[in-house]
């Protein structure tokens, strides 16, 4: 498949969001009905969304989250008097020692 020179330029300028939108718009018949301003607005919206997503992902990776990556385990236990209580625990605390169960 031949690539469009505009697509090559968008990729060379690191405008990946616009490049993706360009390819999608070329493949849609409805895009032919759009004015140039509307077409450009769609490309710019995609690029802005792509950059915001990348920025958020970078911040998320660099954040030092205090919670463990492991999901907590929740169990329900029956008591002798017929009532139940719910207990949840993580497998390890932040310092590496086993955690205690929290029951309600």
PDB file of N, CA and C in Angstrom:
ATOM      1  N   UNK A   1       0.840  -1.176   0.000  1.00  0.00           N
ATOM      2  CA  UNK A   1       0.000   0.000   0.000  1.00  0.00           C
ATOM      3  C   UNK A   1       0.890   1.245   0.000  1.00  0.00           C
ATOM      4  N   UNK A   2       0.611   2.172  -0.850  1.00  0.00           N
ATOM      5  CA  UNK A   2       1.371   3.407  -0.916  1.00  0.00           C
ATOM      6  C   UNK A   2       0.950   4.342   0.208  1.00  0.00           C
ATOM      7  N   UNK A   3       1.926   5.059   0.751  1.00  0.00           N
ATOM      8  CA  UNK A   3       1.593   6.023   1.796  1.00  0.00           C
ATOM      9  C   UNK A   3       1.497   7.415   1.193  1.00  0.00           C
ATOM     10  N   UNK A   4       0.627   8.192   1.728  1.00  0.00           N
ATOM     11  CA  UNK A   4       0.417   9.562   1.282  1.00  0.00           C
ATOM     12  C   UNK A   4       1.567  10.419   1.809  1.00  0.00           C
ATOM     13  N   UNK A   5       2.103  11.352   1.017  1.00  0.00           N
ATOM     14  CA  UNK A   5       3.210  12.195   1.499  1.00  0.00           C
ATOM     15  C   UNK A   5       2.855  12.990   2.751  1.00  0.00           C
ATOM     16  N   UNK A   6       1.597  13.389   2.888  1.00  0.00           N
ATOM     17  CA  UNK A   6       1.178  14.113   4.086  1.00  0.00           C
ATOM     18  C   UNK A   6       1.282  13.223   5.313  1.00  0.00           C
ATOM     19  N   UNK A   7       0.952  11.961   5.157  1.00  0.00           N
ATOM     20  CA  UNK A   7       1.057  11.013   6.255  1.00  0.00           C
ATOM     21  C   UNK A   7       2.507  10.865   6.690  1.00  0.00           C
ATOM     22  N   UNK A   8       3.418  10.797   5.732  1.00  0.00           N
ATOM     23  CA  UNK A   8       4.847  10.711   6.060  1.00  0.00           C
ATOM     24  C   UNK A   8       5.315  11.949   6.813  1.00  0.00           C
ATOM     25  N   UNK A   9       4.843  13.118   6.403  1.00  0.00           N
ATOM     26  CA  UNK A   9       5.234  14.355   7.071  1.00  0.00           C
ATOM     27  C   UNK A   9       4.675  14.425   8.486  1.00  0.00           C
ATOM     28  N   UNK A  10       3.446  13.989   8.670  1.00  0.00           N
ATOM     29  CA  UNK A  10       2.866  13.984  10.005  1.00  0.00           C
ATOM     30  C   UNK A  10       3.662  13.088  10.950  1.00  0.00           C
ATOM     31  N   UNK A  11       4.054  11.929  10.464  1.00  0.00           N
ATOM     32  CA  UNK A  11       4.845  11.015  11.286  1.00  0.00           C
ATOM     33  C   UNK A  11       6.232  11.583  11.560  1.00  0.00           C
ATOM     34  N   UNK A  12       6.832  12.243  10.571  1.00  0.00           N
ATOM     35  CA  UNK A  12       8.161  12.841  10.756  1.00  0.00           C
ATOM     36  C   UNK A  12       8.115  13.956  11.798  1.00  0.00           C
ATOM     37  N   UNK A  13       6.994  14.645  11.900  1.00  0.00           N
ATOM     38  CA  UNK A  13       6.840  15.722  12.873  1.00  0.00           C
ATOM     39  C   UNK A  13       6.319  15.219  14.230  1.00  0.00           C
ATOM     40  N   UNK A  14       6.233  13.907  14.393  1.00  0.00           N
ATOM     41  CA  UNK A  14       5.724  13.281  15.621  1.00  0.00           C
ATOM     42  C   UNK A  14       4.298  13.703  15.941  1.00  0.00           C
ATOM     43  N   UNK A  15       3.487  13.842  14.915  1.00  0.00           N
ATOM     44  CA  UNK A  15       2.067  14.137  15.069  1.00  0.00           C
ATOM     45  C   UNK A  15       1.288  12.838  14.853  1.00  0.00           C
ATOM     46  N   UNK A  16       1.512  11.895  15.746  1.00  0.00           N
ATOM     47  CA  UNK A  16       0.939  10.554  15.594  1.00  0.00           C
ATOM     48  C   UNK A  16      -0.583  10.556  15.646  1.00  0.00           C
ATOM     49  N   UNK A  17      -1.156  11.380  16.508  1.00  0.00           N
ATOM     50  CA  UNK A  17      -2.617  11.460  16.587  1.00  0.00           C
ATOM     51  C   UNK A  17      -3.222  11.947  15.287  1.00  0.00           C
ATOM     52  N   UNK A  18      -2.609  12.969  14.718  1.00  0.00           N
ATOM     53  CA  UNK A  18      -3.104  13.489  13.435  1.00  0.00           C
ATOM     54  C   UNK A  18      -2.913  12.451  12.325  1.00  0.00           C
ATOM     55  N   UNK A  19      -1.805  11.735  12.346  1.00  0.00           N
ATOM     56  CA  UNK A  19      -1.552  10.715  11.325  1.00  0.00           C
ATOM     57  C   UNK A  19      -2.601   9.609  11.393  1.00  0.00           C
ATOM     58  N   UNK A  20      -2.928   9.171  12.614  1.00  0.00           N
ATOM     59  CA  UNK A  20      -3.953   8.132  12.769  1.00  0.00           C
ATOM     60  C   UNK A  20      -5.311   8.626  12.272  1.00  0.00           C
ATOM     61  N   UNK A  21      -5.656   9.856  12.644  1.00  0.00           N
ATOM     62  CA  UNK A  21      -6.933  10.418  12.205  1.00  0.00           C
ATOM     63  C   UNK A  21      -6.959  10.608  10.692  1.00  0.00           C
ATOM     64  N   UNK A  22      -5.825  10.978  10.102  1.00  0.00           N
ATOM     65  CA  UNK A  22      -5.725  11.164   8.654  1.00  0.00           C
ATOM     66  C   UNK A  22      -6.056   9.866   7.926  1.00  0.00           C
ATOM     67  N   UNK A  23      -5.477   8.767   8.396  1.00  0.00           N
ATOM     68  CA  UNK A  23      -5.728   7.459   7.779  1.00  0.00           C
ATOM     69  C   UNK A  23      -7.200   7.081   7.924  1.00  0.00           C
ATOM     70  N   UNK A  24      -7.766   7.289   9.115  1.00  0.00           N
ATOM     71  CA  UNK A  24      -9.170   6.937   9.338  1.00  0.00           C
ATOM     72  C   UNK A  24     -10.106   7.773   8.466  1.00  0.00           C
ATOM     73  N   UNK A  25      -9.810   9.074   8.346  1.00  0.00           N
ATOM     74  CA  UNK A  25     -10.663   9.929   7.532  1.00  0.00           C
ATOM     75  C   UNK A  25     -10.573   9.586   6.049  1.00  0.00           C
ATOM     76  N   UNK A  26      -9.402   9.179   5.602  1.00  0.00           N
ATOM     77  CA  UNK A  26      -9.261   8.781   4.195  1.00  0.00           C
ATOM     78  C   UNK A  26     -10.095   7.558   3.879  1.00  0.00           C
ATOM     79  N   UNK A  27     -10.271   6.682   4.855  1.00  0.00           N
ATOM     80  CA  UNK A  27     -10.992   5.428   4.634  1.00  0.00           C
ATOM     81  C   UNK A  27     -12.502   5.558   4.838  1.00  0.00           C
ATOM     82  N   UNK A  28     -12.973   6.725   5.261  1.00  0.00           N
ATOM     83  CA  UNK A  28     -14.408   6.915   5.486  1.00  0.00           C
ATOM     84  C   UNK A  28     -15.028   7.728   4.355  1.00  0.00           C
ATOM     85  N   UNK A  29     -16.132   7.236   3.837  1.00  0.00           N
ATOM     86  CA  UNK A  29     -16.826   7.938   2.755  1.00  0.00           C
ATOM     87  C   UNK A  29     -17.461   9.229   3.255  1.00  0.00           C
ATOM     88  N   UNK A  30     -17.866   9.271   4.508  1.00  0.00           N
ATOM     89  CA  UNK A  30     -18.503  10.457   5.072  1.00  0.00           C
ATOM     90  C   UNK A  30     -17.540  11.630   5.175  1.00  0.00           C
ATOM     91  N   UNK A  31     -16.242  11.369   5.205  1.00  0.00           N
ATOM     92  CA  UNK A  31     -15.249  12.434   5.342  1.00  0.00           C
ATOM     93  C   UNK A  31     -15.238  13.340   4.106  1.00  0.00           C
ATOM     94  N   UNK A  32     -15.664  12.838   2.972  1.00  0.00           N
ATOM     95  CA  UNK A  32     -15.694  13.652   1.753  1.00  0.00           C
ATOM     96  C   UNK A  32     -16.707  14.783   1.863  1.00  0.00           C
ATOM     97  N   UNK A  33     -17.687  14.625   2.725  1.00  0.00           N
ATOM     98  CA  UNK A  33     -18.706  15.651   2.905  1.00  0.00           C
ATOM     99  C   UNK A  33     -18.262  16.771   3.843  1.00  0.00           C
ATOM    100  N   UNK A  34     -17.153  16.590   4.545  1.00  0.00           N
ATOM    101  CA  UNK A  34     -16.682  17.590   5.497  1.00  0.00           C
ATOM    102  C   UNK A  34     -15.973  18.735   4.790  1.00  0.00           C
ATOM    103  N   UNK A  35     -16.105  19.921   5.350  1.00  0.00           N
ATOM    104  CA  UNK A  35     -15.353  21.060   4.816  1.00  0.00           C
ATOM    105  C   UNK A  35     -13.899  20.926   5.269  1.00  0.00           C
ATOM    106  N   UNK A  36     -13.036  21.734   4.680  1.00  0.00           N
ATOM    107  CA  UNK A  36     -11.623  21.680   5.063  1.00  0.00           C
ATOM    108  C   UNK A  36     -11.432  22.041   6.530  1.00  0.00           C
ATOM    109  N   UNK A  37     -12.178  23.011   7.007  1.00  0.00           N
ATOM    110  CA  UNK A  37     -12.066  23.430   8.404  1.00  0.00           C
ATOM    111  C   UNK A  37     -12.514  22.316   9.347  1.00  0.00           C
ATOM    112  N   UNK A  38     -13.596  21.617   8.999  1.00  0.00           N
ATOM    113  CA  UNK A  38     -14.072  20.512   9.835  1.00  0.00           C
ATOM    114  C   UNK A  38     -13.074  19.359   9.827  1.00  0.00           C
ATOM    115  N   UNK A  39     -12.517  19.106   8.672  1.00  0.00           N
ATOM    116  CA  UNK A  39     -11.547  18.025   8.525  1.00  0.00           C
ATOM    117  C   UNK A  39     -10.311  18.317   9.364  1.00  0.00           C
ATOM    118  N   UNK A  40      -9.824  19.556   9.287  1.00  0.00           N
ATOM    119  CA  UNK A  40      -8.663  19.966  10.056  1.00  0.00           C
ATOM    120  C   UNK A  40      -8.967  19.939  11.551  1.00  0.00           C
ATOM    121  N   UNK A  41     -10.177  20.343  11.930  1.00  0.00           N
ATOM    122  CA  UNK A  41     -10.567  20.329  13.338  1.00  0.00           C
ATOM    123  C   UNK A  41     -10.547  18.903  13.897  1.00  0.00           C
ATOM    124  N   UNK A  42     -10.986  17.931  13.103  1.00  0.00           N
ATOM    125  CA  UNK A  42     -10.945  16.534  13.547  1.00  0.00           C
ATOM    126  C   UNK A  42      -9.506  16.061  13.753  1.00  0.00           C
ATOM    127  N   UNK A  43      -8.619  16.451  12.836  1.00  0.00           N
ATOM    128  CA  UNK A  43      -7.216  16.076  12.983  1.00  0.00           C
ATOM    129  C   UNK A  43      -6.613  16.699  14.243  1.00  0.00           C
ATOM    130  N   UNK A  44      -6.902  17.976  14.463  1.00  0.00           N
ATOM    131  CA  UNK A  44      -6.357  18.664  15.636  1.00  0.00           C
ATOM    132  C   UNK A  44      -6.923  18.107  16.940  1.00  0.00           C
ATOM    133  N   UNK A  45      -8.207  17.784  16.944  1.00  0.00           N
ATOM    134  CA  UNK A  45      -8.817  17.190  18.138  1.00  0.00           C
ATOM    135  C   UNK A  45      -8.155  15.862  18.484  1.00  0.00           C
ATOM    136  N   UNK A  46      -7.903  15.061  17.471  1.00  0.00           N
ATOM    137  CA  UNK A  46      -7.273  13.764  17.707  1.00  0.00           C
ATOM    138  C   UNK A  46      -5.860  13.930  18.256  1.00  0.00           C
ATOM    139  N   UNK A  47      -5.104  14.874  17.693  1.00  0.00           N
ATOM    140  CA  UNK A  47      -3.740  15.111  18.165  1.00  0.00           C
ATOM    141  C   UNK A  47      -3.746  15.594  19.614  1.00  0.00           C
ATOM    142  N   UNK A  48      -4.645  16.505  19.942  1.00  0.00           N
ATOM    143  CA  UNK A  48      -4.729  17.005  21.313  1.00  0.00           C
ATOM    144  C   UNK A  48      -5.102  15.884  22.284  1.00  0.00           C
ATOM    145  N   UNK A  49      -6.052  15.043  21.901  1.00  0.00           N
ATOM    146  CA  UNK A  49      -6.451  13.921  22.753  1.00  0.00           C
ATOM    147  C   UNK A  49      -5.304  12.933  22.920  1.00  0.00           C
ATOM    148  N   UNK A  50      -4.583  12.682  21.846  1.00  0.00           N
ATOM    149  CA  UNK A  50      -3.450  11.768  21.900  1.00  0.00           C
ATOM    150  C   UNK A  50      -2.371  12.292  22.849  1.00  0.00           C
ATOM    151  N   UNK A  51      -2.068  13.576  22.780  1.00  0.00           N
ATOM    152  CA  UNK A  51      -1.056  14.170  23.653  1.00  0.00           C
ATOM    153  C   UNK A  51      -1.503  14.157  25.111  1.00  0.00           C
ATOM    154  N   UNK A  52      -2.772  14.450  25.361  1.00  0.00           N
ATOM    155  CA  UNK A  52      -3.281  14.403  26.733  1.00  0.00           C
ATOM    156  C   UNK A  52      -3.207  12.998  27.306  1.00  0.00           C
ATOM    157  N   UNK A  53      -3.528  12.008  26.487  1.00  0.00           N
ATOM    158  CA  UNK A  53      -3.455  10.616  26.928  1.00  0.00           C
ATOM    159  C   UNK A  53      -2.019  10.232  27.251  1.00  0.00           C
ATOM    160  N   UNK A  54      -1.087  10.586  26.374  1.00  0.00           N
ATOM    161  CA  UNK A  54       0.327  10.282  26.626  1.00  0.00           C
ATOM    162  C   UNK A  54       0.819  10.975  27.885  1.00  0.00           C
ATOM    163  N   UNK A  55       0.449  12.232  28.080  1.00  0.00           N
ATOM    164  CA  UNK A  55       0.862  12.982  29.270  1.00  0.00           C
ATOM    165  C   UNK A  55       0.331  12.316  30.528  1.00  0.00           C
ATOM    166  N   UNK A  56      -0.926  11.899  30.506  1.00  0.00           N
ATOM    167  CA  UNK A  56      -1.523  11.229  31.653  1.00  0.00           C
ATOM    168  C   UNK A  56      -0.828   9.902  31.936  1.00  0.00           C
ATOM    169  N   UNK A  57      -0.521   9.133  30.897  1.00  0.00           N
ATOM    170  CA  UNK A  57       0.146   7.850  31.086  1.00  0.00           C
ATOM    171  C   UNK A  57       1.534   8.027  31.684  1.00  0.00           C
ATOM    172  N   UNK A  58       2.252   9.057  31.255  1.00  0.00           N
ATOM    173  CA  UNK A  58       3.584   9.331  31.811  1.00  0.00           C
ATOM    174  C   UNK A  58       3.467   9.700  33.285  1.00  0.00           C
ATOM    175  N   UNK A  59       2.508  10.544  33.619  1.00  0.00           N
ATOM    176  CA  UNK A  59       2.313  10.921  35.020  1.00  0.00           C
ATOM    177  C   UNK A  59       1.913   9.730  35.861  1.00  0.00           C
ATOM    178  N   UNK A  60       1.081   8.872  35.323  1.00  0.00           N
ATOM    179  CA  UNK A  60       0.632   7.690  36.052  1.00  0.00           C
ATOM    180  C   UNK A  60       1.796   6.740  36.325  1.00  0.00           C
ATOM    181  N   UNK A  61       2.665   6.548  35.318  1.00  0.00           N
ATOM    182  CA  UNK A  61       3.830   5.681  35.515  1.00  0.00           C
ATOM    183  C   UNK A  61       4.807   6.258  36.524  1.00  0.00           C
ATOM    184  N   UNK A  62       4.974   7.578  36.537  1.00  0.00           N
ATOM    185  CA  UNK A  62       5.954   8.178  37.427  1.00  0.00           C
ATOM    186  C   UNK A  62       5.410   8.432  38.828  1.00  0.00           C
ATOM    187  N   UNK A  63       4.104   8.290  39.016  1.00  0.00           N
ATOM    188  CA  UNK A  63       3.513   8.510  40.337  1.00  0.00           C
ATOM    189  C   UNK A  63       3.935   7.393  41.278  1.00  0.00           C
ATOM    190  N   UNK A  64       4.194   7.761  42.483  1.00  0.00           N
ATOM    191  CA  UNK A  64       4.555   6.783  43.513  1.00  0.00           C
ATOM    192  C   UNK A  64       3.300   6.467  44.319  1.00  0.00           C
ATOM    193  N   UNK A  65       2.542   5.510  43.840  1.00  0.00           N
ATOM    194  CA  UNK A  65       1.288   5.159  44.491  1.00  0.00           C
ATOM    195  C   UNK A  65       1.570   4.361  45.753  1.00  0.00           C
ATOM    196  N   UNK A  66       0.839   4.654  46.816  1.00  0.00           N
ATOM    197  CA  UNK A  66       1.071   3.991  48.086  1.00  0.00           C
ATOM    198  C   UNK A  66       0.397   2.640  48.168  1.00  0.00           C
ATOM    199  N   UNK A  67      -0.601   2.417  47.387  1.00  0.00           N
ATOM    200  CA  UNK A  67      -1.335   1.154  47.453  1.00  0.00           C
ATOM    201  C   UNK A  67      -0.615   0.079  46.666  1.00  0.00           C
ATOM    202  N   UNK A  68      -0.761  -1.131  47.157  1.00  0.00           N
ATOM    203  CA  UNK A  68      -0.134  -2.269  46.505  1.00  0.00           C
ATOM    204  C   UNK A  68      -0.783  -2.521  45.148  1.00  0.00           C
ATOM    205  N   UNK A  69      -0.019  -3.060  44.216  1.00  0.00           N
ATOM    206  CA  UNK A  69      -0.548  -3.410  42.907  1.00  0.00           C
ATOM    207  C   UNK A  69      -1.427  -4.651  42.978  1.00  0.00           C
ATOM    208  N   UNK A  70      -1.262  -5.422  44.027  1.00  0.00           N
ATOM    209  CA  UNK A  70      -2.031  -6.655  44.167  1.00  0.00           C
ATOM    210  C   UNK A  70      -3.440  -6.350  44.656  1.00  0.00           C
ATOM    211  N   UNK A  71      -4.436  -7.027  44.109  1.00  0.00           N
ATOM    212  CA  UNK A  71      -5.792  -6.797  44.595  1.00  0.00           C
ATOM    213  C   UNK A  71      -5.966  -7.385  45.992  1.00  0.00           C
ATOM    214  N   UNK A  72      -6.799  -6.758  46.781  1.00  0.00           N
ATOM    215  CA  UNK A  72      -7.038  -7.284  48.122  1.00  0.00           C
ATOM    216  C   UNK A  72      -7.992  -8.466  48.030  1.00  0.00           C
ATOM    217  N   UNK A  73      -7.867  -9.354  49.006  1.00  0.00           N
ATOM    218  CA  UNK A  73      -8.745 -10.521  49.049  1.00  0.00           C
ATOM    219  C   UNK A  73      -9.868 -10.243  50.027  1.00  0.00           C
ATOM    220  N   UNK A  74     -11.073 -10.522  49.613  1.00  0.00           N
ATOM    221  CA  UNK A  74     -12.235 -10.311  50.465  1.00  0.00           C
ATOM    222  C   UNK A  74     -12.944 -11.634  50.648  1.00  0.00           C
ATOM    223  N   UNK A  75     -13.289 -11.939  51.895  1.00  0.00           N
ATOM    224  CA  UNK A  75     -14.017 -13.178  52.154  1.00  0.00           C
ATOM    225  C   UNK A  75     -15.121 -12.899  53.161  1.00  0.00           C
ATOM    226  N   UNK A  76     -16.118 -13.711  53.138  1.00  0.00           N
ATOM    227  CA  UNK A  76     -17.221 -13.609  54.080  1.00  0.00           C
ATOM    228  C   UNK A  76     -17.209 -14.867  54.923  1.00  0.00           C
ATOM    229  N   UNK A  77     -17.236 -14.679  56.239  1.00  0.00           N
ATOM    230  CA  UNK A  77     -17.210 -15.830  57.132  1.00  0.00           C
ATOM    231  C   UNK A  77     -18.490 -15.877  57.941  1.00  0.00           C
ATOM    232  N   UNK A  78     -18.971 -17.083  58.204  1.00  0.00           N
ATOM    233  CA  UNK A  78     -20.175 -17.266  59.013  1.00  0.00           C
ATOM    234  C   UNK A  78     -19.764 -17.393  60.470  1.00  0.00           C
ATOM    235  N   UNK A  79     -20.533 -16.774  61.339  1.00  0.00           N
ATOM    236  CA  UNK A  79     -20.268 -16.851  62.772  1.00  0.00           C
ATOM    237  C   UNK A  79     -21.220 -17.865  63.397  1.00  0.00           C
ATOM    238  N   UNK A  80     -20.899 -18.256  64.625  1.00  0.00           N
ATOM    239  CA  UNK A  80     -21.711 -19.272  65.306  1.00  0.00           C
ATOM    240  C   UNK A  80     -23.136 -18.805  65.572  1.00  0.00           C
ATOM    241  N   UNK A  81     -23.357 -17.508  65.734  1.00  0.00           N
ATOM    242  CA  UNK A  81     -24.696 -17.015  66.028  1.00  0.00           C
ATOM    243  C   UNK A  81     -25.535 -16.808  64.763  1.00  0.00           C
ATOM    244  N   UNK A  82     -25.029 -17.208  63.598  1.00  0.00           N
ATOM    245  CA  UNK A  82     -25.783 -17.119  62.362  1.00  0.00           C
ATOM    246  C   UNK A  82     -25.496 -15.860  61.554  1.00  0.00           C
ATOM    247  N   UNK A  83     -24.838 -14.880  62.133  1.00  0.00           N
ATOM    248  CA  UNK A  83     -24.518 -13.670  61.391  1.00  0.00           C
ATOM    249  C   UNK A  83     -23.240 -13.891  60.577  1.00  0.00           C
ATOM    250  N   UNK A  84     -23.005 -13.015  59.655  1.00  0.00           N
ATOM    251  CA  UNK A  84     -21.797 -13.120  58.836  1.00  0.00           C
ATOM    252  C   UNK A  84     -20.979 -11.852  58.998  1.00  0.00           C
ATOM    253  N   UNK A  85     -19.704 -11.975  58.748  1.00  0.00           N
ATOM    254  CA  UNK A  85     -18.857 -10.793  58.742  1.00  0.00           C
ATOM    255  C   UNK A  85     -17.928 -10.879  57.545  1.00  0.00           C
ATOM    256  N   UNK A  86     -17.569  -9.712  57.068  1.00  0.00           N
ATOM    257  CA  UNK A  86     -16.756  -9.617  55.856  1.00  0.00           C
ATOM    258  C   UNK A  86     -15.343  -9.205  56.243  1.00  0.00           C
ATOM    259  N   UNK A  87     -14.369  -9.953  55.777  1.00  0.00           N
ATOM    260  CA  UNK A  87     -12.970  -9.669  56.087  1.00  0.00           C
ATOM    261  C   UNK A  87     -12.217  -9.456  54.784  1.00  0.00           C
ATOM    262  N   UNK A  88     -11.328  -8.477  54.809  1.00  0.00           N
ATOM    263  CA  UNK A  88     -10.486  -8.255  53.641  1.00  0.00           C
ATOM    264  C   UNK A  88      -9.063  -8.067  54.108  1.00  0.00           C
ATOM    265  N   UNK A  89      -8.130  -8.517  53.286  1.00  0.00           N
ATOM    266  CA  UNK A  89      -6.717  -8.359  53.637  1.00  0.00           C
ATOM    267  C   UNK A  89      -5.893  -8.325  52.368  1.00  0.00           C
ATOM    268  N   UNK A  90      -4.783  -7.635  52.440  1.00  0.00           N
ATOM    269  CA  UNK A  90      -3.786  -7.676  51.387  1.00  0.00           C
ATOM    270  C   UNK A  90      -2.798  -8.765  51.760  1.00  0.00           C
ATOM    271  N   UNK A  91      -2.128  -9.313  50.793  1.00  0.00           N
ATOM    272  CA  UNK A  91      -1.193 -10.380  51.094  1.00  0.00           C
ATOM    273  C   UNK A  91       0.056  -9.864  51.797  1.00  0.00           C
ATOM    274  N   UNK A  92       0.463  -8.635  51.511  1.00  0.00           N
ATOM    275  CA  UNK A  92       1.642  -8.031  52.145  1.00  0.00           C
ATOM    276  C   UNK A  92       1.392  -6.553  52.386  1.00  0.00           C
ATOM    277  N   UNK A  93       1.965  -6.036  53.439  1.00  0.00           N
ATOM    278  CA  UNK A  93       1.920  -4.605  53.688  1.00  0.00           C
ATOM    279  C   UNK A  93       3.020  -3.934  52.888  1.00  0.00           C
ATOM    280  N   UNK A  94       3.065  -2.608  52.935  1.00  0.00           N
ATOM    281  CA  UNK A  94       4.061  -1.861  52.181  1.00  0.00           C
ATOM    282  C   UNK A  94       5.474  -2.190  52.619  1.00  0.00           C
ATOM    283  N   UNK A  95       5.678  -2.506  53.899  1.00  0.00           N
ATOM    284  CA  UNK A  95       7.036  -2.812  54.379  1.00  0.00           C
ATOM    285  C   UNK A  95       7.419  -4.265  54.167  1.00  0.00           C
ATOM    286  N   UNK A  96       6.545  -5.072  53.574  1.00  0.00           N
ATOM    287  CA  UNK A  96       6.854  -6.454  53.254  1.00  0.00           C
ATOM    288  C   UNK A  96       6.353  -7.458  54.252  1.00  0.00           C
ATOM    289  N   UNK A  97       5.890  -7.016  55.452  1.00  0.00           N
ATOM    290  CA  UNK A  97       5.399  -7.952  56.446  1.00  0.00           C
ATOM    291  C   UNK A  97       3.957  -8.323  56.130  1.00  0.00           C
ATOM    292  N   UNK A  98       3.523  -9.501  56.571  1.00  0.00           N
ATOM    293  CA  UNK A  98       2.143  -9.923  56.311  1.00  0.00           C
ATOM    294  C   UNK A  98       1.157  -8.959  56.937  1.00  0.00           C
ATOM    295  N   UNK A  99       0.051  -8.743  56.274  1.00  0.00           N
ATOM    296  CA  UNK A  99      -0.948  -7.818  56.804  1.00  0.00           C
ATOM    297  C   UNK A  99      -1.937  -8.534  57.670  1.00  0.00           C
ATOM    298  N   UNK A 100      -2.664  -7.769  58.441  1.00  0.00           N
ATOM    299  CA  UNK A 100      -3.715  -8.339  59.272  1.00  0.00           C
ATOM    300  C   UNK A 100      -5.052  -8.153  58.581  1.00  0.00           C
ATOM    301  N   UNK A 101      -5.985  -9.003  58.893  1.00  0.00           N
ATOM    302  CA  UNK A 101      -7.300  -8.923  58.289  1.00  0.00           C
ATOM    303  C   UNK A 101      -8.121  -7.829  58.945  1.00  0.00           C
ATOM    304  N   UNK A 102      -8.936  -7.159  58.145  1.00  0.00           N
ATOM    305  CA  UNK A 102      -9.839  -6.140  58.639  1.00  0.00           C
ATOM    306  C   UNK A 102     -11.245  -6.683  58.467  1.00  0.00           C
ATOM    307  N   UNK A 103     -11.960  -6.840  59.574  1.00  0.00           N
ATOM    308  CA  UNK A 103     -13.293  -7.430  59.520  1.00  0.00           C
ATOM    309  C   UNK A 103     -14.326  -6.424  59.951  1.00  0.00           C
ATOM    310  N   UNK A 104     -15.475  -6.495  59.318  1.00  0.00           N
ATOM    311  CA  UNK A 104     -16.575  -5.607  59.706  1.00  0.00           C
ATOM    312  C   UNK A 104     -17.820  -6.411  59.961  1.00  0.00           C
TER     313      UNK A 104
END
